[in-house]
N, C-alpha and C. Protein backbone atom coordinates (compact mmCIF):
# COMPACT_ATOMS: atom_id res chain seq x y z
N MET A 1 -174.27 21.66 65.08
CA MET A 1 -175.31 20.71 64.76
C MET A 1 -176.64 21.27 65.29
N LYS A 2 -177.65 21.17 64.49
CA LYS A 2 -178.95 21.72 64.84
C LYS A 2 -179.70 20.77 65.77
N ILE A 3 -180.56 21.35 66.59
CA ILE A 3 -181.26 20.57 67.62
C ILE A 3 -182.12 19.47 67.01
N HIS A 4 -182.74 19.72 65.85
CA HIS A 4 -183.58 18.67 65.29
C HIS A 4 -182.74 17.48 64.83
N ASN A 5 -181.53 17.72 64.39
CA ASN A 5 -180.65 16.60 64.02
C ASN A 5 -180.26 15.79 65.25
N VAL A 6 -180.01 16.46 66.35
CA VAL A 6 -179.69 15.76 67.60
C VAL A 6 -180.87 14.89 68.04
N LEU A 7 -182.08 15.43 67.93
CA LEU A 7 -183.26 14.66 68.33
C LEU A 7 -183.47 13.46 67.42
N TYR A 8 -183.23 13.62 66.12
CA TYR A 8 -183.34 12.48 65.21
C TYR A 8 -182.29 11.42 65.55
N LEU A 9 -181.07 11.84 65.86
CA LEU A 9 -180.03 10.88 66.23
C LEU A 9 -180.38 10.16 67.54
N LEU A 10 -180.97 10.88 68.48
CA LEU A 10 -181.41 10.23 69.72
C LEU A 10 -182.49 9.19 69.45
N GLY A 11 -183.37 9.47 68.49
CA GLY A 11 -184.40 8.50 68.12
C GLY A 11 -183.80 7.24 67.54
N VAL A 12 -182.83 7.40 66.64
CA VAL A 12 -182.17 6.23 66.05
C VAL A 12 -181.38 5.48 67.13
N GLY A 13 -180.69 6.23 68.00
CA GLY A 13 -179.96 5.59 69.09
C GLY A 13 -180.88 4.82 70.02
N SER A 14 -182.06 5.34 70.25
CA SER A 14 -183.03 4.66 71.08
C SER A 14 -183.46 3.32 70.47
N ILE A 15 -183.64 3.32 69.17
CA ILE A 15 -184.01 2.07 68.48
C ILE A 15 -182.89 1.05 68.59
N ILE A 16 -181.66 1.49 68.36
CA ILE A 16 -180.52 0.57 68.43
C ILE A 16 -180.33 0.03 69.84
N LEU A 17 -180.41 0.91 70.84
CA LEU A 17 -180.28 0.48 72.23
C LEU A 17 -181.40 -0.48 72.62
N SER A 18 -182.61 -0.18 72.18
CA SER A 18 -183.74 -1.05 72.48
C SER A 18 -183.55 -2.45 71.89
N ALA A 19 -183.14 -2.50 70.63
CA ALA A 19 -182.94 -3.80 69.98
C ALA A 19 -181.83 -4.59 70.66
N SER A 20 -180.75 -3.91 71.02
CA SER A 20 -179.64 -4.63 71.67
C SER A 20 -180.06 -5.16 73.04
N GLN A 21 -180.80 -4.37 73.80
CA GLN A 21 -181.26 -4.84 75.10
C GLN A 21 -182.26 -5.99 74.96
N TYR A 22 -183.13 -5.88 73.99
CA TYR A 22 -184.18 -6.89 73.83
C TYR A 22 -183.59 -8.24 73.40
N PHE A 23 -182.71 -8.21 72.41
CA PHE A 23 -182.20 -9.47 71.85
C PHE A 23 -181.06 -10.08 72.67
N GLN A 24 -180.40 -9.30 73.50
CA GLN A 24 -179.33 -9.85 74.32
C GLN A 24 -179.79 -10.15 75.74
N SER A 25 -181.08 -10.17 75.93
CA SER A 25 -181.62 -10.33 77.28
C SER A 25 -181.51 -11.78 77.75
N ASP A 26 -181.22 -11.91 79.03
CA ASP A 26 -181.23 -13.22 79.68
C ASP A 26 -182.46 -13.39 80.55
N SER A 27 -183.14 -12.29 80.80
CA SER A 27 -184.32 -12.35 81.65
C SER A 27 -185.41 -11.46 81.07
N SER A 28 -186.59 -11.62 81.61
CA SER A 28 -187.71 -10.82 81.13
C SER A 28 -187.56 -9.36 81.52
N ASP A 29 -186.77 -9.08 82.57
CA ASP A 29 -186.54 -7.69 82.97
C ASP A 29 -185.81 -6.92 81.88
N LYS A 30 -184.81 -7.53 81.28
CA LYS A 30 -184.06 -6.87 80.20
C LYS A 30 -184.95 -6.68 78.97
N GLU A 31 -185.82 -7.66 78.70
CA GLU A 31 -186.75 -7.51 77.58
C GLU A 31 -187.67 -6.31 77.82
N ARG A 32 -188.17 -6.18 79.03
CA ARG A 32 -189.03 -5.04 79.35
C ARG A 32 -188.27 -3.73 79.25
N ASP A 33 -187.00 -3.73 79.68
CA ASP A 33 -186.18 -2.52 79.55
C ASP A 33 -186.01 -2.16 78.08
N GLY A 34 -185.79 -3.15 77.24
CA GLY A 34 -185.65 -2.91 75.81
C GLY A 34 -186.91 -2.33 75.20
N LEU A 35 -188.05 -2.87 75.60
CA LEU A 35 -189.32 -2.34 75.10
C LEU A 35 -189.56 -0.92 75.60
N PHE A 36 -189.19 -0.66 76.85
CA PHE A 36 -189.37 0.68 77.41
C PHE A 36 -188.53 1.71 76.65
N VAL A 37 -187.27 1.39 76.41
CA VAL A 37 -186.40 2.30 75.68
C VAL A 37 -186.90 2.47 74.24
N GLY A 38 -187.47 1.45 73.67
CA GLY A 38 -188.01 1.54 72.31
C GLY A 38 -189.16 2.52 72.18
N HIS A 39 -189.84 2.77 73.28
CA HIS A 39 -190.95 3.73 73.24
C HIS A 39 -190.47 5.18 73.22
N TRP A 40 -189.20 5.41 73.46
CA TRP A 40 -188.66 6.77 73.41
C TRP A 40 -188.52 7.28 71.98
N ALA A 41 -188.28 6.38 71.04
CA ALA A 41 -187.97 6.78 69.66
C ALA A 41 -189.04 7.68 69.04
N PRO A 42 -190.32 7.33 69.09
CA PRO A 42 -191.32 8.22 68.48
C PRO A 42 -191.33 9.61 69.08
N THR A 43 -191.08 9.70 70.39
CA THR A 43 -191.05 11.00 71.03
C THR A 43 -189.92 11.85 70.48
N PHE A 44 -188.74 11.26 70.35
CA PHE A 44 -187.60 11.99 69.80
C PHE A 44 -187.86 12.42 68.36
N PHE A 45 -188.45 11.53 67.56
CA PHE A 45 -188.73 11.87 66.16
C PHE A 45 -189.78 12.99 66.05
N ILE A 46 -190.80 12.93 66.89
CA ILE A 46 -191.83 13.98 66.86
C ILE A 46 -191.25 15.32 67.29
N LEU A 47 -190.46 15.31 68.36
CA LEU A 47 -189.84 16.56 68.81
C LEU A 47 -188.87 17.10 67.76
N GLY A 48 -188.14 16.21 67.09
CA GLY A 48 -187.24 16.64 66.03
C GLY A 48 -188.00 17.29 64.88
N LYS A 49 -189.12 16.72 64.51
CA LYS A 49 -189.94 17.28 63.43
C LYS A 49 -190.52 18.63 63.83
N ILE A 50 -190.96 18.76 65.07
CA ILE A 50 -191.48 20.05 65.54
C ILE A 50 -190.40 21.12 65.48
N MET A 51 -189.21 20.79 65.95
CA MET A 51 -188.11 21.76 65.94
C MET A 51 -187.71 22.11 64.50
N GLU A 52 -187.71 21.12 63.62
CA GLU A 52 -187.38 21.38 62.22
C GLU A 52 -188.42 22.30 61.57
N ASP A 53 -189.70 22.06 61.86
CA ASP A 53 -190.76 22.92 61.31
C ASP A 53 -190.66 24.34 61.85
N LYS A 54 -190.34 24.48 63.14
CA LYS A 54 -190.19 25.81 63.72
C LYS A 54 -189.03 26.56 63.07
N GLU A 55 -187.94 25.85 62.84
CA GLU A 55 -186.78 26.48 62.21
C GLU A 55 -187.10 26.89 60.77
N THR A 56 -187.81 26.04 60.05
CA THR A 56 -188.20 26.36 58.67
C THR A 56 -189.14 27.56 58.64
N ALA A 57 -190.09 27.61 59.56
CA ALA A 57 -191.03 28.73 59.62
C ALA A 57 -190.30 30.01 59.97
N LYS A 58 -189.37 29.93 60.90
CA LYS A 58 -188.60 31.11 61.30
C LYS A 58 -187.77 31.61 60.13
N ARG A 59 -187.14 30.69 59.41
CA ARG A 59 -186.34 31.06 58.26
C ARG A 59 -187.21 31.69 57.17
N GLY A 60 -188.43 31.19 57.02
CA GLY A 60 -189.37 31.74 56.03
C GLY A 60 -189.79 33.16 56.37
N LEU A 61 -189.93 33.45 57.65
CA LEU A 61 -190.31 34.80 58.08
C LEU A 61 -189.16 35.79 57.88
N LEU A 62 -187.94 35.31 57.99
CA LEU A 62 -186.79 36.20 57.85
C LEU A 62 -186.49 36.55 56.41
N GLU A 63 -186.92 35.71 55.50
CA GLU A 63 -186.62 35.96 54.08
C GLU A 63 -187.60 36.89 53.43
């Protein structure tokens, strides 16, 4: 499995974990934890895109 796919999966997992923590919360602490984890998703998606672009560029240079 390529690294950019792993980063994309981590982004999706972050969204799912964030939603589950936010909606199953009994206290405001859990809600804040859910929001905090939700902020990880864009970072994972951006890193995944960067790695995908690097791989595409590298493949283009080899051809």
